[in-house]
């Protein structure tokens, strides 16, 4: 099923159905401020289903979209000095931080080899509102098949994941066609000294202008 998800009215109408869908450990395709994402509720069963849909190699975790630092901390994630400075400067926005914590609250399948979980406070108004009303994070990975470019819109999503959309496993939120935007910048904040994993929408120089010595 495809639901329109662009105007405030469309977002309001879609959220109850999206909530029921995710609580059943089913999957979602949705727009973000960068690219379309695929996601699920933060449960082991839903994360496993997302891995099967994406064809994801074991040991390569997904990130979490949150509605703010408070939600991340409620789920046990820990902000050190660097994570605090960077999140204050760039959230909501296309910055993903890898944080320690979340043991016993979040599936271990979300944890990378460095021991952290990647999180982002999205600046996409509709998805930020959805996550806030759900009261829990939404997992996220780019909406593509392995090695291919992310889908720019709902039509391409249905081409890529048609069987799952038709059988009701995947619900598609149509946020229009997205431009060619770089992915989020990814910073590992699991240690005292942060490490730039991927330079994306926010360049390293901008991180350093905003956070100084607390930036990678």
Protein backbone atom coordinates (compact mmCIF):
# COMPACT_ATOMS: atom_id res chain seq x y z
CA UNK A 1 0.00 0.00 0.00
CA UNK A 2 1.09 3.56 -0.76
CA UNK A 3 -0.02 6.45 1.46
CA UNK A 4 0.47 10.12 0.54
CA UNK A 5 2.79 11.81 3.02
CA UNK A 6 3.52 15.39 1.99
CA UNK A 7 0.99 17.82 3.49
CA UNK A 8 0.25 18.17 7.21
CA UNK A 9 -3.19 16.66 6.61
CA UNK A 10 -1.71 13.65 4.80
CA UNK A 11 0.83 13.08 7.57
CA UNK A 12 -1.90 13.27 10.23
CA UNK A 13 -4.09 10.82 8.33
CA UNK A 14 -1.26 8.33 7.76
CA UNK A 15 0.24 8.14 11.26
CA UNK A 16 -2.38 5.86 12.94
CA UNK A 17 -2.13 3.30 10.14
CA UNK A 18 1.68 3.48 10.17
CA UNK A 19 1.68 2.87 13.92
CA UNK A 20 -0.47 -0.26 13.59
CA UNK A 21 1.72 -1.51 10.75
CA UNK A 22 4.96 -1.07 12.68
CA UNK A 23 3.56 -2.59 15.87
CA UNK A 24 2.93 -5.75 13.82
CA UNK A 25 6.70 -5.86 13.06
CA UNK A 26 6.06 -4.96 9.43
CA UNK A 27 8.22 -2.65 7.32
CA UNK A 28 8.04 0.94 6.14
CA UNK A 29 9.47 2.93 3.21
CA UNK A 30 9.56 6.66 3.86
CA UNK A 31 11.18 9.98 2.86
CA UNK A 32 13.89 11.66 4.94
CA UNK A 33 15.85 14.91 4.55
CA UNK A 34 18.44 12.97 2.52
CA UNK A 35 17.13 9.88 0.70
CA UNK A 36 14.20 7.49 0.98
CA UNK A 37 14.66 5.00 3.78
CA UNK A 38 13.45 1.56 4.72
CA UNK A 39 12.69 0.95 8.36
CA UNK A 40 10.88 -0.86 11.12
CA UNK A 41 10.11 -0.82 14.79
CA UNK A 42 13.22 -1.35 16.99
CA UNK A 43 12.48 -5.01 17.75
CA UNK A 44 14.61 -8.05 16.97
CA UNK A 45 11.90 -9.60 14.78
CA UNK A 46 11.34 -6.42 12.78
CA UNK A 47 15.06 -5.78 12.35
CA UNK A 48 15.49 -9.34 11.05
CA UNK A 49 12.66 -8.79 8.55
CA UNK A 50 14.29 -5.54 7.41
CA UNK A 51 17.59 -7.35 6.89
CA UNK A 52 15.86 -9.93 4.70
CA UNK A 53 14.11 -7.25 2.63
CA UNK A 54 17.30 -5.28 2.10
CA UNK A 55 19.48 -8.33 1.50
CA UNK A 56 21.78 -6.96 4.18
CA UNK A 57 24.96 -8.84 5.06
CA UNK A 58 25.00 -10.06 8.67
CA UNK A 59 26.95 -7.80 11.01
CA UNK A 60 26.14 -4.59 9.12
CA UNK A 61 23.66 -2.77 11.39
CA UNK A 62 20.95 -0.24 10.64
CA UNK A 63 20.69 3.19 12.21
CA UNK A 64 17.87 4.65 14.29
CA UNK A 65 15.84 7.80 13.68
CA UNK A 66 14.83 9.56 16.89
CA UNK A 67 12.72 12.57 17.81
CA UNK A 68 15.47 14.23 19.84
CA UNK A 69 18.21 13.65 22.37
CA UNK A 70 15.69 12.96 25.13
CA UNK A 71 14.32 9.93 23.25
CA UNK A 72 17.83 8.58 22.69
CA UNK A 73 18.63 8.89 26.38
CA UNK A 74 15.31 7.29 27.36
CA UNK A 75 16.41 4.26 25.35
CA UNK A 76 19.70 4.13 27.23
CA UNK A 77 22.04 5.76 24.70
CA UNK A 78 24.92 7.81 26.13
CA UNK A 79 26.12 11.22 24.93
CA UNK A 80 29.74 12.05 25.71
CA UNK A 81 31.12 15.57 25.31
CA UNK A 82 31.63 15.24 21.54
CA UNK A 83 28.20 13.74 20.92
CA UNK A 84 26.62 16.49 23.01
CA UNK A 85 28.40 19.29 21.14
CA UNK A 86 27.70 17.83 17.70
CA UNK A 87 24.04 17.06 18.40
CA UNK A 88 23.53 20.56 19.84
CA UNK A 89 24.99 22.05 16.66
CA UNK A 90 23.46 19.87 13.95
CA UNK A 91 20.30 18.16 15.21
CA UNK A 92 17.77 17.93 13.75
CA UNK A 93 19.64 17.38 10.51
CA UNK A 94 21.74 15.01 8.39
CA UNK A 95 24.23 14.01 11.11
CA UNK A 96 24.34 10.43 12.39
CA UNK A 97 26.15 9.76 15.66
CA UNK A 98 27.31 6.35 16.87
CA UNK A 99 26.66 6.14 20.61
CA UNK A 100 27.29 3.66 23.37
CA UNK A 101 24.51 2.29 25.55
CA UNK A 102 21.08 0.83 24.87
CA UNK A 103 21.91 -2.59 26.28
CA UNK A 104 18.74 -4.46 27.14
CA UNK A 105 16.57 -1.85 25.44
CA UNK A 106 17.58 -2.09 21.78
CA UNK A 107 18.31 -5.19 19.67
CA UNK A 108 21.96 -6.23 19.57
CA UNK A 109 21.58 -6.50 15.79
CA UNK A 110 21.67 -2.69 15.68
CA UNK A 111 25.08 -2.58 17.34
CA UNK A 112 28.20 -2.18 15.20
CA UNK A 113 31.57 -3.78 15.75
CA UNK A 114 32.76 -0.72 17.69
CA UNK A 115 29.99 -1.41 20.22
CA UNK A 116 27.76 1.55 19.42
CA UNK A 117 24.38 2.24 17.84
CA UNK A 118 23.98 4.85 15.09
CA UNK A 119 21.25 7.46 15.65
CA UNK A 120 19.97 10.56 13.90
CA UNK A 121 17.38 13.19 14.77
CA UNK A 122 15.81 13.69 11.37
CA UNK A 123 14.86 17.15 10.15
CA UNK A 124 12.13 15.74 7.87
CA UNK A 125 9.08 17.28 9.55
CA UNK A 126 6.66 14.43 8.80
CA UNK A 127 9.00 11.63 9.89
CA UNK A 128 10.12 13.54 13.00
CA UNK A 129 6.46 13.93 13.94
CA UNK A 130 5.79 10.26 13.24
CA UNK A 131 8.69 9.13 15.45
CA UNK A 132 7.64 11.48 18.25
CA UNK A 133 4.06 10.20 18.22
CA UNK A 134 5.16 6.58 18.05
CA UNK A 135 7.24 7.21 21.16
CA UNK A 136 10.03 4.96 19.96
CA UNK A 137 12.86 5.08 17.40
CA UNK A 138 12.42 4.01 13.79
CA UNK A 139 15.15 1.93 12.18
CA UNK A 140 16.56 3.26 8.93
CA UNK A 141 18.58 2.17 5.93
CA UNK A 142 18.67 3.56 2.40
CA UNK A 143 15.85 2.30 0.18
CA UNK A 144 17.79 0.35 -2.42
CA UNK A 145 18.92 -3.11 -3.36
CA UNK A 146 22.55 -3.93 -2.51
CA UNK A 147 24.88 -1.93 -4.77
CA UNK A 148 22.11 0.15 -6.33
CA UNK A 149 21.18 3.81 -5.86
CA UNK A 150 18.43 4.77 -3.39
CA UNK A 151 14.93 5.06 -4.82
CA UNK A 152 14.07 8.73 -5.50
CA UNK A 153 10.32 8.26 -5.06
CA UNK A 154 7.37 5.95 -4.49
CA UNK A 155 7.22 4.65 -8.08
CA UNK A 156 10.78 3.38 -7.93
CA UNK A 157 10.19 1.92 -4.47
CA UNK A 158 7.36 -0.17 -5.86
CA UNK A 159 9.57 -1.29 -8.75
CA UNK A 160 12.24 -2.44 -6.29
CA UNK A 161 10.01 -3.91 -3.60
CA UNK A 162 6.75 -4.64 -5.42
CA UNK A 163 6.06 -8.12 -3.99
CA UNK A 164 6.49 -6.86 -0.42
CA UNK A 165 4.33 -3.81 -1.07
CA UNK A 166 1.57 -5.88 -2.68
CA UNK A 167 1.48 -8.53 0.06
CA UNK A 168 1.20 -5.90 2.79
CA UNK A 169 4.62 -6.45 4.35
CA UNK A 170 5.90 -3.03 3.18
CA UNK A 171 3.94 0.19 3.59
CA UNK A 172 5.18 3.05 1.38
CA UNK A 173 4.88 6.69 2.45
CA UNK A 174 4.89 8.87 -0.68
CA UNK A 175 6.78 12.06 0.16
CA UNK A 176 7.30 13.06 -3.47
CA UNK A 177 10.47 12.78 -5.53
CA UNK A 178 13.64 13.62 -3.62
CA UNK A 179 16.66 15.31 -5.14
CA UNK A 180 20.18 13.98 -5.37
CA UNK A 181 21.18 14.73 -1.75
CA UNK A 182 24.27 13.21 -0.09
CA UNK A 183 23.68 10.77 2.77
CA UNK A 184 24.10 11.91 6.36
CA UNK A 185 27.55 12.53 7.80
CA UNK A 186 28.47 9.72 10.20
CA UNK A 187 30.59 10.29 13.33
CA UNK A 188 31.62 7.58 15.81
CA UNK A 189 31.29 8.99 19.33
CA UNK A 190 31.82 5.74 21.23
CA UNK A 191 35.23 6.93 22.48
CA UNK A 192 36.40 10.22 23.96
CA UNK A 193 38.00 11.22 20.64
CA UNK A 194 35.37 11.19 17.86
CA UNK A 195 36.06 9.57 14.50
CA UNK A 196 34.64 10.63 11.12
CA UNK A 197 33.30 7.46 9.51
CA UNK A 198 31.59 9.05 6.48
CA UNK A 199 31.67 12.64 5.25
CA UNK A 200 28.23 13.26 3.80
CA UNK A 201 25.82 16.18 3.80
CA UNK A 202 27.80 18.03 6.51
CA UNK A 203 31.51 18.48 5.62
CA UNK A 204 34.23 17.92 8.22
CA UNK A 205 35.12 21.62 8.09
CA UNK A 206 31.59 22.55 9.13
CA UNK A 207 31.71 20.06 12.02
CA UNK A 208 34.92 21.69 13.23
CA UNK A 209 33.59 25.23 12.86
CA UNK A 210 30.66 24.35 15.08
CA UNK A 211 32.24 22.01 17.66
CA UNK A 212 35.96 22.89 17.59
CA UNK A 213 38.17 20.33 19.31
CA UNK A 214 35.11 18.16 20.08
CA UNK A 215 34.64 17.50 16.34
CA UNK A 216 36.50 14.75 14.45
